[in-house]
């Protein structure tokens, strides 16, 4: 099953700046064959359910290996079975209506 996901990985107990940890997770997502779209509060990805979930686990493992004692992740997931849909489709739909 294909899934669209928003992922926000937050290392805890590592201080105020987390950009190095976010960058590590972005590398994990790319290595998993996903095409991450970073934004100010997380990252969007799309792919097969198993691949996305495995990549989230690998993000946790990478962030822990960097020394984070705790990792908290928020996920938003969207699936459809009536037709194919991409992240770009969702954005284009709204942008087209906003241009009105």
C-alpha atoms as a PDB file:
ATOM      1  CA  UNK A   1       0.000   0.000   0.000  1.00  0.00           C
ATOM      2  CA  UNK A   2       1.332   3.439  -0.898  1.00  0.00           C
ATOM      3  CA  UNK A   3       1.455   6.020   1.885  1.00  0.00           C
ATOM      4  CA  UNK A   4       2.006   9.764   2.038  1.00  0.00           C
ATOM      5  CA  UNK A   5       3.659  10.722   5.303  1.00  0.00           C
ATOM      6  CA  UNK A   6       4.754  13.706   7.318  1.00  0.00           C
ATOM      7  CA  UNK A   7       7.555  12.769   9.703  1.00  0.00           C
ATOM      8  CA  UNK A   8       8.886  14.895  12.548  1.00  0.00           C
ATOM      9  CA  UNK A   9      11.761  13.240  14.439  1.00  0.00           C
ATOM     10  CA  UNK A  10      12.785  15.031  17.633  1.00  0.00           C
ATOM     11  CA  UNK A  11      15.810  13.914  19.637  1.00  0.00           C
ATOM     12  CA  UNK A  12      15.454  14.584  23.360  1.00  0.00           C
ATOM     13  CA  UNK A  13      18.265  15.275  25.797  1.00  0.00           C
ATOM     14  CA  UNK A  14      20.676  16.665  23.208  1.00  0.00           C
ATOM     15  CA  UNK A  15      20.430  20.423  23.734  1.00  0.00           C
ATOM     16  CA  UNK A  16      18.668  23.139  21.797  1.00  0.00           C
ATOM     17  CA  UNK A  17      19.948  22.652  18.229  1.00  0.00           C
ATOM     18  CA  UNK A  18      18.750  19.516  16.469  1.00  0.00           C
ATOM     19  CA  UNK A  19      19.702  20.282  12.857  1.00  0.00           C
ATOM     20  CA  UNK A  20      22.508  17.682  12.790  1.00  0.00           C
ATOM     21  CA  UNK A  21      20.003  15.012  13.833  1.00  0.00           C
ATOM     22  CA  UNK A  22      17.442  16.137  11.266  1.00  0.00           C
ATOM     23  CA  UNK A  23      20.147  16.069   8.572  1.00  0.00           C
ATOM     24  CA  UNK A  24      21.059  12.512   9.591  1.00  0.00           C
ATOM     25  CA  UNK A  25      17.434  11.460   9.250  1.00  0.00           C
ATOM     26  CA  UNK A  26      17.208  13.141   5.826  1.00  0.00           C
ATOM     27  CA  UNK A  27      20.213  11.049   4.721  1.00  0.00           C
ATOM     28  CA  UNK A  28      18.490   7.898   5.997  1.00  0.00           C
ATOM     29  CA  UNK A  29      15.325   8.738   4.064  1.00  0.00           C
ATOM     30  CA  UNK A  30      17.271   9.338   0.835  1.00  0.00           C
ATOM     31  CA  UNK A  31      19.280   6.130   1.314  1.00  0.00           C
ATOM     32  CA  UNK A  32      15.958   4.274   1.677  1.00  0.00           C
ATOM     33  CA  UNK A  33      15.039   5.404  -1.832  1.00  0.00           C
ATOM     34  CA  UNK A  34      12.509   7.960  -0.665  1.00  0.00           C
ATOM     35  CA  UNK A  35      12.464  11.564  -1.910  1.00  0.00           C
ATOM     36  CA  UNK A  36      12.208  13.598   1.305  1.00  0.00           C
ATOM     37  CA  UNK A  37      10.725  17.097   1.144  1.00  0.00           C
ATOM     38  CA  UNK A  38      11.998  19.004   4.159  1.00  0.00           C
ATOM     39  CA  UNK A  39       9.877  21.827   5.538  1.00  0.00           C
ATOM     40  CA  UNK A  40      10.072  23.956   8.662  1.00  0.00           C
ATOM     41  CA  UNK A  41       8.305  21.464  10.939  1.00  0.00           C
ATOM     42  CA  UNK A  42       9.132  18.074   9.467  1.00  0.00           C
ATOM     43  CA  UNK A  43       9.616  16.104   6.287  1.00  0.00           C
ATOM     44  CA  UNK A  44       7.164  14.733   3.746  1.00  0.00           C
ATOM     45  CA  UNK A  45       7.800  11.421   2.010  1.00  0.00           C
ATOM     46  CA  UNK A  46       5.806   9.014  -0.123  1.00  0.00           C
ATOM     47  CA  UNK A  47       6.350   5.365  -0.836  1.00  0.00           C
ATOM     48  CA  UNK A  48       5.290   1.867  -0.011  1.00  0.00           C
ATOM     49  CA  UNK A  49       4.077   1.484   3.591  1.00  0.00           C
ATOM     50  CA  UNK A  50       6.794  -0.993   4.575  1.00  0.00           C
ATOM     51  CA  UNK A  51       9.598   1.152   3.120  1.00  0.00           C
ATOM     52  CA  UNK A  52       8.407   4.315   4.867  1.00  0.00           C
ATOM     53  CA  UNK A  53       7.973   2.589   8.230  1.00  0.00           C
ATOM     54  CA  UNK A  54      11.373   0.913   7.932  1.00  0.00           C
ATOM     55  CA  UNK A  55      12.955   4.283   7.170  1.00  0.00           C
ATOM     56  CA  UNK A  56      11.335   5.848  10.250  1.00  0.00           C
ATOM     57  CA  UNK A  57      12.830   3.068  12.353  1.00  0.00           C
ATOM     58  CA  UNK A  58      16.229   3.648  10.728  1.00  0.00           C
ATOM     59  CA  UNK A  59      15.918   7.370  11.566  1.00  0.00           C
ATOM     60  CA  UNK A  60      15.397   6.455  15.217  1.00  0.00           C
ATOM     61  CA  UNK A  61      18.383   4.113  15.134  1.00  0.00           C
ATOM     62  CA  UNK A  62      20.609   6.760  13.502  1.00  0.00           C
ATOM     63  CA  UNK A  63      19.609   9.465  15.980  1.00  0.00           C
ATOM     64  CA  UNK A  64      20.198   7.130  18.928  1.00  0.00           C
ATOM     65  CA  UNK A  65      23.620   6.226  17.496  1.00  0.00           C
ATOM     66  CA  UNK A  66      24.418   9.950  17.492  1.00  0.00           C
ATOM     67  CA  UNK A  67      23.911   9.977  21.258  1.00  0.00           C
ATOM     68  CA  UNK A  68      20.272  10.982  21.725  1.00  0.00           C
ATOM     69  CA  UNK A  69      18.967   9.080  24.754  1.00  0.00           C
ATOM     70  CA  UNK A  70      15.345   9.552  23.659  1.00  0.00           C
ATOM     71  CA  UNK A  71      13.653  10.110  20.311  1.00  0.00           C
ATOM     72  CA  UNK A  72      10.078  11.250  19.823  1.00  0.00           C
ATOM     73  CA  UNK A  73       8.478  11.060  16.397  1.00  0.00           C
ATOM     74  CA  UNK A  74       5.182  12.438  15.165  1.00  0.00           C
ATOM     75  CA  UNK A  75       3.680  10.886  12.056  1.00  0.00           C
ATOM     76  CA  UNK A  76       0.800  11.934   9.844  1.00  0.00           C
ATOM     77  CA  UNK A  77      -0.156   9.233   7.362  1.00  0.00           C
ATOM     78  CA  UNK A  78      -2.486   9.243   4.390  1.00  0.00           C
ATOM     79  CA  UNK A  79      -3.515   6.328   2.195  1.00  0.00           C
ATOM     80  CA  UNK A  80      -5.996   6.085  -0.662  1.00  0.00           C
ATOM     81  CA  UNK A  81      -7.397   3.099  -2.461  1.00  0.00           C
ATOM     82  CA  UNK A  82      -9.762   4.892  -4.863  1.00  0.00           C
ATOM     83  CA  UNK A  83      -6.986   6.427  -7.013  1.00  0.00           C
ATOM     84  CA  UNK A  84      -3.255   7.120  -6.993  1.00  0.00           C
ATOM     85  CA  UNK A  85      -2.177  10.360  -5.329  1.00  0.00           C
ATOM     86  CA  UNK A  86       1.197  11.990  -4.762  1.00  0.00           C
ATOM     87  CA  UNK A  87       2.373  14.729  -2.454  1.00  0.00           C
ATOM     88  CA  UNK A  88       2.647  17.015  -5.484  1.00  0.00           C
ATOM     89  CA  UNK A  89      -0.988  16.264  -6.409  1.00  0.00           C
ATOM     90  CA  UNK A  90      -2.154  17.408  -2.986  1.00  0.00           C
ATOM     91  CA  UNK A  91      -0.182  20.659  -3.172  1.00  0.00           C
ATOM     92  CA  UNK A  92      -1.249  21.416  -6.750  1.00  0.00           C
ATOM     93  CA  UNK A  93      -4.899  20.899  -5.851  1.00  0.00           C
ATOM     94  CA  UNK A  94      -4.782  23.545  -3.137  1.00  0.00           C
ATOM     95  CA  UNK A  95      -2.570  25.959  -5.057  1.00  0.00           C
ATOM     96  CA  UNK A  96      -4.915  25.778  -8.051  1.00  0.00           C
ATOM     97  CA  UNK A  97      -7.886  26.689  -5.880  1.00  0.00           C
ATOM     98  CA  UNK A  98      -5.985  29.452  -4.054  1.00  0.00           C
ATOM     99  CA  UNK A  99      -5.108  31.160  -7.343  1.00  0.00           C
ATOM    100  CA  UNK A 100      -8.847  31.204  -8.030  1.00  0.00           C
END
